[in-house]
């Protein structure tokens, strides 16, 4: 959303995000991106589409249940079939990175088809890992996802879906955001000399050159 010369970027259409957008009084948006059809990614999408009426919409177009359930809201959304760079205004660019634009095509797993995004504002950038792990990481390895800030896949959880050291090194972000980051992920990030940060209540601001963050008290 753009307001008074400022740009606002929200991650996820989950209840927390929909509540914040409602509380802040936003009523329009330049674009909405649905990275995959898992319920915690698209559950609040109908509310946001109705409220914000995004000028542009993007998603993979894959025939998964989550997208099928909200199909009536996606008639004006554009499918992202390959890596794509779009420019919003004079200083904002969005890079879509998809794993399925090679000869192997779509995976049977929703997460492995996640659309990753890299937002750039002048010299500042932030990459969103969506739910990309394992096979998906390998398939996007040639794309430039390096950024100042990285929002980790699955919010930095452990187990089979944990972000790999290889992927962390590739993106090389000074700040790596996640929710409930476990000791294993903390160790991986710290070993690389990077900073792990619990994403709950964190607000990042940037003038396009430098950036800073603060944590909202009582963020829920």
N, C-alpha and C. Protein backbone atom coordinates (compact mmCIF):
# COMPACT_ATOMS: atom_id res chain seq x y z
N UNK A 1 0.84 -1.18 0.00
CA UNK A 1 0.00 0.00 0.00
C UNK A 1 0.88 1.23 0.00
N UNK A 2 0.45 2.29 -0.69
CA UNK A 2 1.20 3.53 -0.73
C UNK A 2 0.37 4.64 -0.08
N UNK A 3 1.00 5.41 0.79
CA UNK A 3 0.28 6.46 1.49
C UNK A 3 1.26 7.58 1.84
N UNK A 4 0.92 8.80 1.44
CA UNK A 4 1.73 9.97 1.79
C UNK A 4 3.21 9.75 1.41
N UNK A 5 3.45 9.13 0.27
CA UNK A 5 4.81 8.92 -0.17
C UNK A 5 5.52 7.78 0.52
N UNK A 6 4.80 7.04 1.36
CA UNK A 6 5.41 5.93 2.07
C UNK A 6 4.91 4.62 1.50
N UNK A 7 5.75 3.59 1.55
CA UNK A 7 5.37 2.27 1.07
C UNK A 7 5.27 1.32 2.25
N UNK A 8 4.23 0.48 2.25
CA UNK A 8 4.02 -0.49 3.32
C UNK A 8 3.98 -1.88 2.72
N UNK A 9 4.69 -2.80 3.35
CA UNK A 9 4.79 -4.17 2.86
C UNK A 9 4.36 -5.11 3.97
N UNK A 10 3.36 -5.96 3.72
CA UNK A 10 2.88 -6.90 4.72
C UNK A 10 3.13 -8.33 4.23
N UNK A 11 3.47 -9.20 5.17
CA UNK A 11 3.74 -10.60 4.85
C UNK A 11 2.63 -11.47 5.41
N UNK A 12 2.10 -12.35 4.56
CA UNK A 12 1.04 -13.30 4.93
C UNK A 12 -0.33 -12.66 4.98
N UNK A 13 -1.33 -13.46 4.66
CA UNK A 13 -2.72 -13.02 4.79
C UNK A 13 -3.36 -13.72 5.98
N UNK A 14 -2.53 -14.03 6.96
CA UNK A 14 -2.99 -14.70 8.18
C UNK A 14 -3.75 -13.71 9.07
N UNK A 15 -4.43 -14.21 10.14
CA UNK A 15 -5.23 -13.32 11.00
C UNK A 15 -4.47 -12.12 11.54
N UNK A 16 -3.20 -12.29 11.94
CA UNK A 16 -2.43 -11.16 12.48
C UNK A 16 -2.35 -10.02 11.46
N UNK A 17 -2.06 -10.39 10.20
CA UNK A 17 -1.91 -9.37 9.17
C UNK A 17 -3.23 -8.69 8.87
N UNK A 18 -4.30 -9.46 8.75
CA UNK A 18 -5.60 -8.86 8.45
C UNK A 18 -6.03 -7.93 9.57
N UNK A 19 -5.73 -8.29 10.81
CA UNK A 19 -6.09 -7.43 11.95
C UNK A 19 -5.31 -6.13 11.89
N UNK A 20 -3.99 -6.21 11.62
CA UNK A 20 -3.16 -5.01 11.57
C UNK A 20 -3.63 -4.08 10.46
N UNK A 21 -3.92 -4.63 9.28
CA UNK A 21 -4.36 -3.82 8.15
C UNK A 21 -5.68 -3.12 8.48
N UNK A 22 -6.56 -3.85 9.13
CA UNK A 22 -7.84 -3.26 9.52
C UNK A 22 -7.64 -2.17 10.56
N UNK A 23 -6.79 -2.44 11.56
CA UNK A 23 -6.55 -1.45 12.61
C UNK A 23 -5.91 -0.18 12.08
N UNK A 24 -5.03 -0.32 11.07
CA UNK A 24 -4.34 0.84 10.51
C UNK A 24 -5.21 1.61 9.51
N UNK A 25 -6.33 1.01 9.14
CA UNK A 25 -7.26 1.71 8.26
C UNK A 25 -6.91 1.69 6.79
N UNK A 26 -6.09 0.73 6.34
CA UNK A 26 -5.76 0.66 4.93
C UNK A 26 -6.98 0.23 4.12
N UNK A 27 -7.16 0.86 2.96
CA UNK A 27 -8.33 0.55 2.13
C UNK A 27 -7.97 0.29 0.68
N UNK A 28 -6.69 0.30 0.35
CA UNK A 28 -6.28 0.00 -1.03
C UNK A 28 -4.87 -0.59 -1.02
N UNK A 29 -4.54 -1.26 -2.11
CA UNK A 29 -3.21 -1.87 -2.24
C UNK A 29 -2.81 -1.88 -3.70
N UNK A 30 -1.52 -1.75 -3.94
CA UNK A 30 -1.01 -1.81 -5.31
C UNK A 30 -0.99 -3.24 -5.82
N UNK A 31 -0.63 -4.19 -4.94
CA UNK A 31 -0.50 -5.57 -5.41
C UNK A 31 -0.66 -6.56 -4.26
N UNK A 32 -1.07 -7.76 -4.60
CA UNK A 32 -1.14 -8.88 -3.65
C UNK A 32 -0.48 -10.08 -4.30
N UNK A 33 0.32 -10.79 -3.54
CA UNK A 33 1.02 -11.96 -4.04
C UNK A 33 0.69 -13.15 -3.16
N UNK A 34 0.17 -14.22 -3.74
CA UNK A 34 -0.12 -15.44 -3.01
C UNK A 34 0.97 -16.45 -3.34
N UNK A 35 1.84 -16.73 -2.36
CA UNK A 35 3.02 -17.55 -2.63
C UNK A 35 2.70 -19.02 -2.80
N UNK A 36 1.75 -19.53 -2.05
CA UNK A 36 1.24 -20.89 -2.26
C UNK A 36 -0.13 -20.99 -1.62
N UNK A 37 -0.76 -22.14 -1.73
CA UNK A 37 -2.17 -22.24 -1.35
C UNK A 37 -2.40 -22.82 0.04
N UNK A 38 -1.34 -22.92 0.86
CA UNK A 38 -1.54 -23.40 2.23
C UNK A 38 -2.46 -22.44 2.97
N UNK A 39 -3.28 -22.97 3.89
CA UNK A 39 -4.30 -22.13 4.52
C UNK A 39 -3.71 -20.96 5.30
N UNK A 40 -2.50 -21.13 5.89
CA UNK A 40 -1.92 -20.03 6.64
C UNK A 40 -1.31 -18.97 5.73
N UNK A 41 -1.27 -19.22 4.42
CA UNK A 41 -0.82 -18.22 3.47
C UNK A 41 -2.00 -17.50 2.80
N UNK A 42 -3.09 -18.20 2.57
CA UNK A 42 -4.20 -17.60 1.82
C UNK A 42 -5.49 -17.51 2.62
N UNK A 43 -5.47 -17.93 3.88
CA UNK A 43 -6.72 -17.97 4.66
C UNK A 43 -7.43 -16.64 4.74
N UNK A 44 -6.67 -15.55 4.85
CA UNK A 44 -7.29 -14.23 4.96
C UNK A 44 -7.39 -13.50 3.64
N UNK A 45 -7.02 -14.15 2.54
CA UNK A 45 -6.99 -13.48 1.24
C UNK A 45 -8.35 -12.91 0.82
N UNK A 46 -9.47 -13.65 0.96
CA UNK A 46 -10.75 -13.07 0.54
C UNK A 46 -11.06 -11.75 1.25
N UNK A 47 -10.79 -11.69 2.56
CA UNK A 47 -11.02 -10.44 3.30
C UNK A 47 -10.15 -9.31 2.74
N UNK A 48 -8.87 -9.61 2.51
CA UNK A 48 -7.94 -8.58 2.03
C UNK A 48 -8.30 -8.12 0.62
N UNK A 49 -8.70 -9.05 -0.24
CA UNK A 49 -9.07 -8.69 -1.61
C UNK A 49 -10.30 -7.79 -1.60
N UNK A 50 -11.29 -8.16 -0.77
CA UNK A 50 -12.50 -7.35 -0.67
C UNK A 50 -12.20 -5.97 -0.11
N UNK A 51 -11.33 -5.90 0.90
CA UNK A 51 -11.05 -4.63 1.57
C UNK A 51 -10.10 -3.74 0.77
N UNK A 52 -9.01 -4.33 0.25
CA UNK A 52 -7.95 -3.54 -0.36
C UNK A 52 -8.08 -3.38 -1.87
N UNK A 53 -8.86 -4.26 -2.49
CA UNK A 53 -9.04 -4.22 -3.95
C UNK A 53 -7.71 -3.98 -4.66
N UNK A 54 -6.77 -4.92 -4.53
CA UNK A 54 -5.45 -4.73 -5.12
C UNK A 54 -5.51 -4.50 -6.63
N UNK A 55 -4.68 -3.55 -7.10
CA UNK A 55 -4.65 -3.23 -8.52
C UNK A 55 -4.07 -4.39 -9.33
N UNK A 56 -3.16 -5.14 -8.71
CA UNK A 56 -2.54 -6.28 -9.37
C UNK A 56 -2.57 -7.47 -8.41
N UNK A 57 -2.68 -8.66 -8.95
CA UNK A 57 -2.61 -9.86 -8.14
C UNK A 57 -1.80 -10.93 -8.86
N UNK A 58 -1.03 -11.70 -8.10
CA UNK A 58 -0.16 -12.71 -8.69
C UNK A 58 -0.23 -14.00 -7.87
N UNK A 59 -0.21 -15.13 -8.57
CA UNK A 59 -0.12 -16.43 -7.91
C UNK A 59 0.32 -17.48 -8.92
N UNK A 60 0.62 -18.68 -8.43
CA UNK A 60 1.17 -19.71 -9.32
C UNK A 60 0.14 -20.28 -10.28
N UNK A 61 -1.13 -20.25 -9.89
CA UNK A 61 -2.17 -20.80 -10.74
C UNK A 61 -2.29 -22.30 -10.67
N UNK A 62 -1.56 -22.92 -9.75
CA UNK A 62 -1.60 -24.37 -9.62
C UNK A 62 -2.94 -24.82 -9.05
N UNK A 63 -3.43 -25.95 -9.51
CA UNK A 63 -4.75 -26.44 -9.13
C UNK A 63 -4.69 -27.17 -7.78
N UNK A 64 -4.45 -26.42 -6.70
CA UNK A 64 -4.46 -26.99 -5.36
C UNK A 64 -5.70 -26.53 -4.61
N UNK A 65 -6.07 -27.28 -3.58
CA UNK A 65 -7.34 -27.04 -2.90
C UNK A 65 -7.45 -25.62 -2.35
N UNK A 66 -6.37 -25.11 -1.74
CA UNK A 66 -6.44 -23.77 -1.14
C UNK A 66 -6.82 -22.71 -2.15
N UNK A 67 -6.25 -22.78 -3.36
CA UNK A 67 -6.60 -21.83 -4.40
C UNK A 67 -8.00 -22.10 -4.94
N UNK A 68 -8.36 -23.36 -5.04
CA UNK A 68 -9.69 -23.69 -5.55
C UNK A 68 -10.79 -23.12 -4.66
N UNK A 69 -10.56 -23.11 -3.35
CA UNK A 69 -11.56 -22.62 -2.41
C UNK A 69 -11.80 -21.13 -2.54
N UNK A 70 -10.81 -20.39 -3.02
CA UNK A 70 -10.97 -18.94 -3.16
C UNK A 70 -10.92 -18.51 -4.63
N UNK A 71 -11.19 -19.46 -5.53
CA UNK A 71 -11.04 -19.21 -6.97
C UNK A 71 -11.85 -18.01 -7.44
N UNK A 72 -13.02 -17.80 -6.87
CA UNK A 72 -13.87 -16.69 -7.32
C UNK A 72 -13.23 -15.34 -7.07
N UNK A 73 -12.27 -15.30 -6.14
CA UNK A 73 -11.59 -14.04 -5.83
C UNK A 73 -10.37 -13.81 -6.72
N UNK A 74 -9.98 -14.82 -7.49
CA UNK A 74 -8.71 -14.76 -8.21
C UNK A 74 -8.87 -14.48 -9.71
N UNK A 75 -10.05 -14.07 -10.13
CA UNK A 75 -10.31 -13.91 -11.56
C UNK A 75 -9.40 -12.85 -12.20
N UNK A 76 -8.99 -11.86 -11.44
CA UNK A 76 -8.13 -10.80 -11.98
C UNK A 76 -6.65 -11.00 -11.65
N UNK A 77 -6.32 -12.15 -11.05
CA UNK A 77 -4.93 -12.43 -10.69
C UNK A 77 -4.17 -12.98 -11.90
N UNK A 78 -2.93 -12.59 -12.02
CA UNK A 78 -2.07 -13.07 -13.09
C UNK A 78 -1.24 -14.25 -12.60
N UNK A 79 -1.14 -15.29 -13.41
CA UNK A 79 -0.33 -16.44 -13.02
C UNK A 79 1.14 -16.16 -13.31
N UNK A 80 1.99 -16.59 -12.38
CA UNK A 80 3.43 -16.41 -12.52
C UNK A 80 4.02 -17.74 -12.98
N UNK A 81 4.35 -17.84 -14.26
CA UNK A 81 4.81 -19.11 -14.82
C UNK A 81 6.33 -19.21 -14.88
N UNK A 82 7.01 -18.08 -14.69
CA UNK A 82 8.47 -18.07 -14.71
C UNK A 82 8.97 -16.86 -13.92
N UNK A 83 10.27 -16.84 -13.65
CA UNK A 83 10.83 -15.70 -12.93
C UNK A 83 10.45 -14.41 -13.65
N UNK A 84 10.12 -13.39 -12.85
CA UNK A 84 9.61 -12.17 -13.46
C UNK A 84 9.94 -10.98 -12.57
N UNK A 85 10.34 -9.87 -13.17
CA UNK A 85 10.63 -8.64 -12.45
C UNK A 85 9.58 -7.60 -12.83
N UNK A 86 8.95 -7.01 -11.82
CA UNK A 86 8.01 -5.93 -12.09
C UNK A 86 8.45 -4.69 -11.31
N UNK A 87 8.15 -3.53 -11.84
CA UNK A 87 8.51 -2.27 -11.21
C UNK A 87 7.24 -1.56 -10.76
N UNK A 88 7.24 -1.10 -9.50
CA UNK A 88 6.10 -0.38 -8.93
C UNK A 88 6.56 1.02 -8.58
N UNK A 89 6.07 2.02 -9.29
CA UNK A 89 6.52 3.38 -9.02
C UNK A 89 7.94 3.60 -9.51
N UNK A 90 8.60 4.59 -8.94
CA UNK A 90 9.93 4.97 -9.41
C UNK A 90 11.05 4.19 -8.73
N UNK A 91 10.81 3.70 -7.50
CA UNK A 91 11.92 3.16 -6.71
C UNK A 91 11.71 1.75 -6.19
N UNK A 92 10.57 1.15 -6.46
CA UNK A 92 10.24 -0.16 -5.91
C UNK A 92 10.20 -1.20 -7.02
N UNK A 93 10.87 -2.32 -6.80
CA UNK A 93 10.85 -3.42 -7.76
C UNK A 93 10.58 -4.72 -7.02
N UNK A 94 9.88 -5.62 -7.69
CA UNK A 94 9.55 -6.93 -7.11
C UNK A 94 10.02 -8.01 -8.07
N UNK A 95 10.84 -8.91 -7.56
CA UNK A 95 11.31 -10.05 -8.34
C UNK A 95 10.58 -11.30 -7.88
N UNK A 96 9.87 -11.95 -8.80
CA UNK A 96 9.27 -13.25 -8.52
C UNK A 96 10.26 -14.33 -8.92
N UNK A 97 10.44 -15.31 -8.05
CA UNK A 97 11.31 -16.45 -8.35
C UNK A 97 10.51 -17.71 -8.13
N UNK A 98 10.40 -18.55 -9.17
CA UNK A 98 9.60 -19.77 -9.07
C UNK A 98 10.48 -20.99 -9.34
N UNK A 99 10.19 -22.11 -8.69
CA UNK A 99 10.98 -23.32 -8.90
C UNK A 99 10.52 -24.18 -10.06
N UNK A 100 9.34 -23.88 -10.61
CA UNK A 100 8.73 -24.80 -11.57
C UNK A 100 8.90 -24.36 -13.02
N UNK A 101 9.81 -23.41 -13.29
CA UNK A 101 9.97 -22.96 -14.68
C UNK A 101 11.12 -23.68 -15.38
N UNK A 102 11.41 -24.90 -14.93
CA UNK A 102 12.40 -25.73 -15.62
C UNK A 102 11.69 -26.92 -16.25
N UNK A 103 12.45 -27.87 -16.76
CA UNK A 103 11.85 -28.99 -17.48
C UNK A 103 11.06 -29.93 -16.58
N UNK A 104 11.26 -29.82 -15.25
CA UNK A 104 10.55 -30.73 -14.34
C UNK A 104 9.13 -30.28 -14.04
N UNK A 105 8.82 -29.00 -14.27
CA UNK A 105 7.47 -28.51 -14.06
C UNK A 105 7.04 -28.49 -12.61
N UNK A 106 5.73 -28.61 -12.39
CA UNK A 106 5.18 -28.52 -11.04
C UNK A 106 5.51 -29.76 -10.20
N UNK A 107 5.67 -29.54 -8.90
CA UNK A 107 5.83 -30.63 -7.95
C UNK A 107 4.47 -31.01 -7.40
N UNK A 108 4.35 -32.22 -6.84
CA UNK A 108 3.10 -32.64 -6.21
C UNK A 108 2.91 -31.99 -4.85
N UNK A 109 3.97 -31.40 -4.32
CA UNK A 109 3.91 -30.75 -3.01
C UNK A 109 3.66 -29.25 -3.18
N UNK A 110 2.69 -28.71 -2.45
CA UNK A 110 2.40 -27.28 -2.55
C UNK A 110 3.62 -26.43 -2.20
N UNK A 111 4.29 -26.80 -1.10
CA UNK A 111 5.43 -26.00 -0.65
C UNK A 111 6.54 -25.94 -1.68
N UNK A 112 6.77 -27.05 -2.39
CA UNK A 112 7.86 -27.10 -3.36
C UNK A 112 7.59 -26.23 -4.59
N UNK A 113 6.35 -25.75 -4.72
CA UNK A 113 5.99 -24.85 -5.82
C UNK A 113 5.87 -23.40 -5.34
N UNK A 114 6.39 -23.10 -4.17
CA UNK A 114 6.24 -21.77 -3.60
C UNK A 114 6.84 -20.68 -4.49
N UNK A 115 6.12 -19.57 -4.61
CA UNK A 115 6.63 -18.40 -5.31
C UNK A 115 7.41 -17.56 -4.29
N UNK A 116 8.71 -17.41 -4.52
CA UNK A 116 9.54 -16.57 -3.65
C UNK A 116 9.54 -15.15 -4.20
N UNK A 117 9.71 -14.18 -3.32
CA UNK A 117 9.69 -12.79 -3.75
C UNK A 117 10.85 -12.02 -3.13
N UNK A 118 11.40 -11.11 -3.92
CA UNK A 118 12.43 -10.20 -3.43
C UNK A 118 11.97 -8.78 -3.73
N UNK A 119 11.75 -8.00 -2.67
CA UNK A 119 11.32 -6.62 -2.81
C UNK A 119 12.53 -5.70 -2.66
N UNK A 120 12.69 -4.77 -3.58
CA UNK A 120 13.80 -3.82 -3.52
C UNK A 120 13.24 -2.40 -3.52
N UNK A 121 13.76 -1.60 -2.61
CA UNK A 121 13.44 -0.17 -2.56
C UNK A 121 14.76 0.58 -2.59
N UNK A 122 15.07 1.16 -3.74
CA UNK A 122 16.38 1.79 -3.95
C UNK A 122 17.47 0.75 -3.66
N UNK A 123 18.32 0.98 -2.64
CA UNK A 123 19.41 0.05 -2.34
C UNK A 123 19.07 -0.96 -1.26
N UNK A 124 17.85 -0.91 -0.72
CA UNK A 124 17.43 -1.84 0.33
C UNK A 124 16.62 -2.97 -0.29
N UNK A 125 16.79 -4.20 0.24
CA UNK A 125 16.02 -5.33 -0.28
C UNK A 125 15.65 -6.30 0.84
N UNK A 126 14.54 -6.99 0.64
CA UNK A 126 14.07 -8.00 1.58
C UNK A 126 13.52 -9.17 0.78
N UNK A 127 13.95 -10.39 1.11
CA UNK A 127 13.49 -11.59 0.42
C UNK A 127 12.59 -12.42 1.31
N UNK A 128 11.54 -12.98 0.71
CA UNK A 128 10.61 -13.84 1.43
C UNK A 128 10.74 -15.27 0.92
N UNK A 129 11.06 -16.19 1.85
CA UNK A 129 11.29 -17.57 1.47
C UNK A 129 10.03 -18.40 1.32
N UNK A 130 8.86 -17.81 1.65
CA UNK A 130 7.60 -18.54 1.60
C UNK A 130 7.76 -19.86 2.34
N UNK A 131 7.51 -20.98 1.67
CA UNK A 131 7.67 -22.29 2.30
C UNK A 131 8.63 -23.16 1.48
N UNK A 132 9.62 -22.50 0.90
CA UNK A 132 10.58 -23.18 0.02
C UNK A 132 11.64 -23.91 0.85
N UNK A 133 11.81 -25.18 0.61
CA UNK A 133 12.84 -25.96 1.28
C UNK A 133 13.24 -27.13 0.38
N UNK A 134 14.38 -27.74 0.73
CA UNK A 134 14.82 -28.98 0.08
C UNK A 134 14.84 -28.83 -1.45
N UNK A 135 13.98 -29.56 -2.15
CA UNK A 135 13.96 -29.55 -3.62
C UNK A 135 13.76 -28.13 -4.16
N UNK A 136 12.88 -27.37 -3.53
CA UNK A 136 12.59 -26.01 -3.98
C UNK A 136 13.84 -25.14 -3.87
N UNK A 137 14.58 -25.25 -2.75
CA UNK A 137 15.83 -24.50 -2.60
C UNK A 137 16.77 -24.78 -3.77
N UNK A 138 16.90 -26.04 -4.10
CA UNK A 138 17.80 -26.43 -5.17
C UNK A 138 17.37 -25.85 -6.51
N UNK A 139 16.08 -25.80 -6.74
CA UNK A 139 15.57 -25.37 -8.05
C UNK A 139 15.62 -23.85 -8.23
N UNK A 140 15.75 -23.09 -7.16
CA UNK A 140 15.86 -21.63 -7.30
C UNK A 140 17.28 -21.15 -7.02
N UNK A 141 18.22 -22.06 -6.95
CA UNK A 141 19.59 -21.73 -6.52
C UNK A 141 20.32 -20.78 -7.47
N UNK A 142 19.88 -20.69 -8.72
CA UNK A 142 20.55 -19.81 -9.67
C UNK A 142 19.95 -18.40 -9.69
N UNK A 143 18.93 -18.17 -8.90
CA UNK A 143 18.28 -16.85 -8.89
C UNK A 143 18.91 -15.96 -7.82
N UNK A 144 18.88 -14.65 -8.06
CA UNK A 144 19.48 -13.70 -7.13
C UNK A 144 18.48 -13.31 -6.05
N UNK A 145 18.56 -14.01 -4.91
CA UNK A 145 17.68 -13.72 -3.78
C UNK A 145 18.44 -13.03 -2.64
N UNK A 146 19.69 -12.66 -2.88
CA UNK A 146 20.47 -11.99 -1.83
C UNK A 146 19.75 -10.71 -1.40
N UNK A 147 19.76 -10.45 -0.09
CA UNK A 147 18.98 -9.32 0.42
C UNK A 147 19.51 -8.88 1.78
N UNK A 148 19.14 -7.68 2.19
CA UNK A 148 19.51 -7.19 3.51
C UNK A 148 18.78 -7.95 4.61
N UNK A 149 17.52 -8.29 4.33
CA UNK A 149 16.68 -8.99 5.30
C UNK A 149 16.07 -10.21 4.63
N UNK A 150 16.02 -11.32 5.34
CA UNK A 150 15.44 -12.56 4.82
C UNK A 150 14.36 -13.05 5.77
N UNK A 151 13.16 -13.21 5.25
CA UNK A 151 12.07 -13.82 6.02
C UNK A 151 12.11 -15.30 5.71
N UNK A 152 12.53 -16.10 6.68
CA UNK A 152 12.85 -17.50 6.43
C UNK A 152 11.62 -18.36 6.12
N UNK A 153 11.82 -19.42 5.33
CA UNK A 153 10.73 -20.35 5.04
C UNK A 153 10.17 -20.96 6.33
N UNK A 154 8.87 -21.18 6.35
CA UNK A 154 8.21 -21.80 7.49
C UNK A 154 8.58 -21.11 8.80
N UNK A 155 8.90 -19.82 8.70
CA UNK A 155 9.19 -19.01 9.89
C UNK A 155 10.36 -19.55 10.68
N UNK A 156 11.28 -20.24 10.02
CA UNK A 156 12.51 -20.67 10.67
C UNK A 156 12.39 -21.91 11.53
N UNK A 157 11.42 -22.76 11.22
CA UNK A 157 11.22 -23.93 12.05
C UNK A 157 12.30 -24.99 11.81
N UNK A 158 12.38 -25.96 12.74
CA UNK A 158 13.36 -27.04 12.62
C UNK A 158 12.76 -28.22 11.87
N UNK A 159 13.48 -29.33 11.84
CA UNK A 159 12.97 -30.53 11.19
C UNK A 159 13.30 -30.57 9.72
N UNK A 160 12.58 -31.43 9.00
CA UNK A 160 12.85 -31.65 7.58
C UNK A 160 12.66 -30.40 6.73
N UNK A 161 11.81 -29.47 7.20
CA UNK A 161 11.50 -28.28 6.41
C UNK A 161 12.33 -27.06 6.82
N UNK A 162 13.36 -27.28 7.61
CA UNK A 162 14.19 -26.17 8.06
C UNK A 162 15.02 -25.61 6.91
N UNK A 163 15.26 -24.31 6.95
CA UNK A 163 16.10 -23.67 5.94
C UNK A 163 17.52 -24.22 6.06
N UNK A 164 18.17 -24.43 4.93
CA UNK A 164 19.50 -25.03 4.93
C UNK A 164 20.59 -23.97 5.11
N UNK A 165 21.76 -24.41 5.56
CA UNK A 165 22.91 -23.52 5.67
C UNK A 165 23.28 -22.98 4.30
N UNK A 166 23.17 -23.82 3.28
CA UNK A 166 23.47 -23.41 1.90
C UNK A 166 22.60 -22.22 1.49
N UNK A 167 21.31 -22.29 1.80
CA UNK A 167 20.38 -21.24 1.39
C UNK A 167 20.65 -19.95 2.18
N UNK A 168 20.95 -20.09 3.47
CA UNK A 168 21.28 -18.93 4.29
C UNK A 168 22.53 -18.24 3.75
N UNK A 169 23.54 -19.02 3.34
CA UNK A 169 24.77 -18.46 2.80
C UNK A 169 24.50 -17.75 1.47
N UNK A 170 23.64 -18.33 0.66
CA UNK A 170 23.34 -17.76 -0.64
C UNK A 170 22.66 -16.40 -0.51
N UNK A 171 21.69 -16.31 0.40
CA UNK A 171 20.96 -15.06 0.56
C UNK A 171 21.78 -14.05 1.36
N UNK A 172 22.55 -14.54 2.34
CA UNK A 172 23.53 -13.72 3.05
C UNK A 172 22.93 -12.45 3.63
N UNK A 173 21.80 -12.57 4.29
CA UNK A 173 21.12 -11.41 4.86
C UNK A 173 21.67 -11.07 6.24
N UNK A 174 21.81 -9.79 6.51
CA UNK A 174 22.27 -9.37 7.83
C UNK A 174 21.28 -9.77 8.91
N UNK A 175 19.99 -9.70 8.58
CA UNK A 175 18.93 -10.06 9.53
C UNK A 175 18.10 -11.18 8.93
N UNK A 176 17.90 -12.25 9.71
CA UNK A 176 17.09 -13.39 9.28
C UNK A 176 15.90 -13.53 10.22
N UNK A 177 14.72 -13.27 9.69
CA UNK A 177 13.51 -13.24 10.50
C UNK A 177 12.79 -14.58 10.52
N UNK A 178 12.25 -14.95 11.68
CA UNK A 178 11.46 -16.16 11.81
C UNK A 178 10.62 -16.09 13.07
N UNK A 179 9.65 -16.98 13.17
CA UNK A 179 8.84 -17.07 14.38
C UNK A 179 9.22 -18.35 15.12
N UNK A 180 9.43 -18.25 16.41
CA UNK A 180 9.77 -19.42 17.23
C UNK A 180 11.01 -20.14 16.68
N UNK A 181 12.06 -19.38 16.41
CA UNK A 181 13.28 -19.95 15.84
C UNK A 181 13.92 -20.91 16.84
N UNK A 182 14.19 -22.13 16.40
CA UNK A 182 14.74 -23.13 17.31
C UNK A 182 16.26 -23.01 17.41
N UNK A 183 16.85 -23.74 18.35
CA UNK A 183 18.29 -23.65 18.60
C UNK A 183 19.11 -24.03 17.38
N UNK A 184 18.64 -25.03 16.64
CA UNK A 184 19.37 -25.49 15.47
C UNK A 184 19.51 -24.38 14.42
N UNK A 185 18.41 -23.67 14.16
CA UNK A 185 18.43 -22.58 13.19
C UNK A 185 19.26 -21.42 13.72
N UNK A 186 19.12 -21.11 15.02
CA UNK A 186 19.94 -20.07 15.63
C UNK A 186 21.42 -20.35 15.43
N UNK A 187 21.79 -21.62 15.62
CA UNK A 187 23.20 -22.01 15.49
C UNK A 187 23.68 -21.84 14.05
N UNK A 188 22.87 -22.30 13.09
CA UNK A 188 23.24 -22.17 11.68
C UNK A 188 23.49 -20.71 11.32
N UNK A 189 22.58 -19.84 11.72
CA UNK A 189 22.67 -18.42 11.35
C UNK A 189 23.87 -17.78 12.03
N UNK A 190 24.02 -18.05 13.33
CA UNK A 190 25.11 -17.43 14.09
C UNK A 190 26.47 -17.88 13.59
N UNK A 191 26.58 -19.16 13.20
CA UNK A 191 27.84 -19.69 12.68
C UNK A 191 28.29 -18.95 11.42
N UNK A 192 27.33 -18.48 10.65
CA UNK A 192 27.63 -17.74 9.43
C UNK A 192 27.91 -16.27 9.71
N UNK A 193 27.84 -15.87 10.99
CA UNK A 193 28.08 -14.48 11.34
C UNK A 193 26.90 -13.58 11.05
N UNK A 194 25.70 -14.17 10.90
CA UNK A 194 24.49 -13.42 10.60
C UNK A 194 23.64 -13.30 11.86
N UNK A 195 22.54 -12.58 11.77
CA UNK A 195 21.72 -12.31 12.94
C UNK A 195 20.35 -12.98 12.82
N UNK A 196 20.00 -13.87 13.77
CA UNK A 196 18.64 -14.41 13.81
C UNK A 196 17.76 -13.46 14.63
N UNK A 197 16.52 -13.30 14.23
CA UNK A 197 15.64 -12.37 14.94
C UNK A 197 14.21 -12.90 14.90
N UNK A 198 13.60 -13.01 16.09
CA UNK A 198 12.20 -13.42 16.16
C UNK A 198 11.34 -12.34 15.51
N UNK A 199 10.53 -12.74 14.55
CA UNK A 199 9.79 -11.77 13.73
C UNK A 199 8.57 -11.20 14.42
N UNK A 200 8.17 -11.76 15.54
CA UNK A 200 6.93 -11.33 16.17
C UNK A 200 6.99 -9.86 16.58
N UNK A 201 6.11 -9.07 15.99
CA UNK A 201 6.03 -7.66 16.35
C UNK A 201 7.11 -6.78 15.78
N UNK A 202 7.94 -7.31 14.87
CA UNK A 202 9.05 -6.52 14.33
C UNK A 202 8.58 -5.66 13.15
N UNK A 203 8.96 -4.40 13.18
CA UNK A 203 8.70 -3.47 12.09
C UNK A 203 10.04 -3.00 11.55
N UNK A 204 10.25 -3.15 10.25
CA UNK A 204 11.49 -2.73 9.60
C UNK A 204 11.21 -1.49 8.77
N UNK A 205 12.03 -0.48 8.91
CA UNK A 205 11.88 0.74 8.13
C UNK A 205 13.16 1.00 7.34
N UNK A 206 13.01 1.64 6.19
CA UNK A 206 14.18 1.94 5.37
C UNK A 206 13.91 3.19 4.54
N UNK A 207 14.95 3.99 4.34
CA UNK A 207 14.87 5.14 3.44
C UNK A 207 15.42 4.79 2.06
N UNK A 208 15.68 3.51 1.84
CA UNK A 208 16.22 3.05 0.57
C UNK A 208 17.73 2.94 0.56
N UNK A 209 18.36 3.40 1.63
CA UNK A 209 19.81 3.29 1.76
C UNK A 209 20.15 2.50 3.03
N UNK A 210 19.81 3.06 4.16
CA UNK A 210 19.99 2.37 5.44
C UNK A 210 18.65 1.83 5.91
N UNK A 211 18.67 0.97 6.92
CA UNK A 211 17.43 0.43 7.46
C UNK A 211 17.60 0.17 8.95
N UNK A 212 16.48 0.07 9.63
CA UNK A 212 16.49 -0.21 11.06
C UNK A 212 15.21 -0.97 11.40
N UNK A 213 15.13 -1.48 12.60
CA UNK A 213 13.92 -2.18 13.02
C UNK A 213 13.62 -1.87 14.48
N UNK A 214 12.37 -2.05 14.82
CA UNK A 214 11.95 -1.94 16.21
C UNK A 214 10.84 -2.96 16.45
N UNK A 215 10.59 -3.25 17.69
CA UNK A 215 9.58 -4.25 18.03
C UNK A 215 8.38 -3.57 18.66
N UNK A 216 7.20 -3.88 18.14
CA UNK A 216 5.97 -3.32 18.66
C UNK A 216 5.62 -4.03 19.97
N UNK A 217 5.41 -3.27 21.02
CA UNK A 217 5.06 -3.84 22.32
C UNK A 217 3.64 -4.36 22.27
N UNK A 218 3.39 -5.50 22.95
CA UNK A 218 2.05 -6.10 22.99
C UNK A 218 1.51 -6.37 21.60
N UNK A 219 2.34 -7.01 20.77
CA UNK A 219 1.97 -7.26 19.39
C UNK A 219 1.05 -8.46 19.22
N UNK A 220 0.70 -9.14 20.31
CA UNK A 220 -0.24 -10.24 20.22
C UNK A 220 0.42 -11.58 20.05
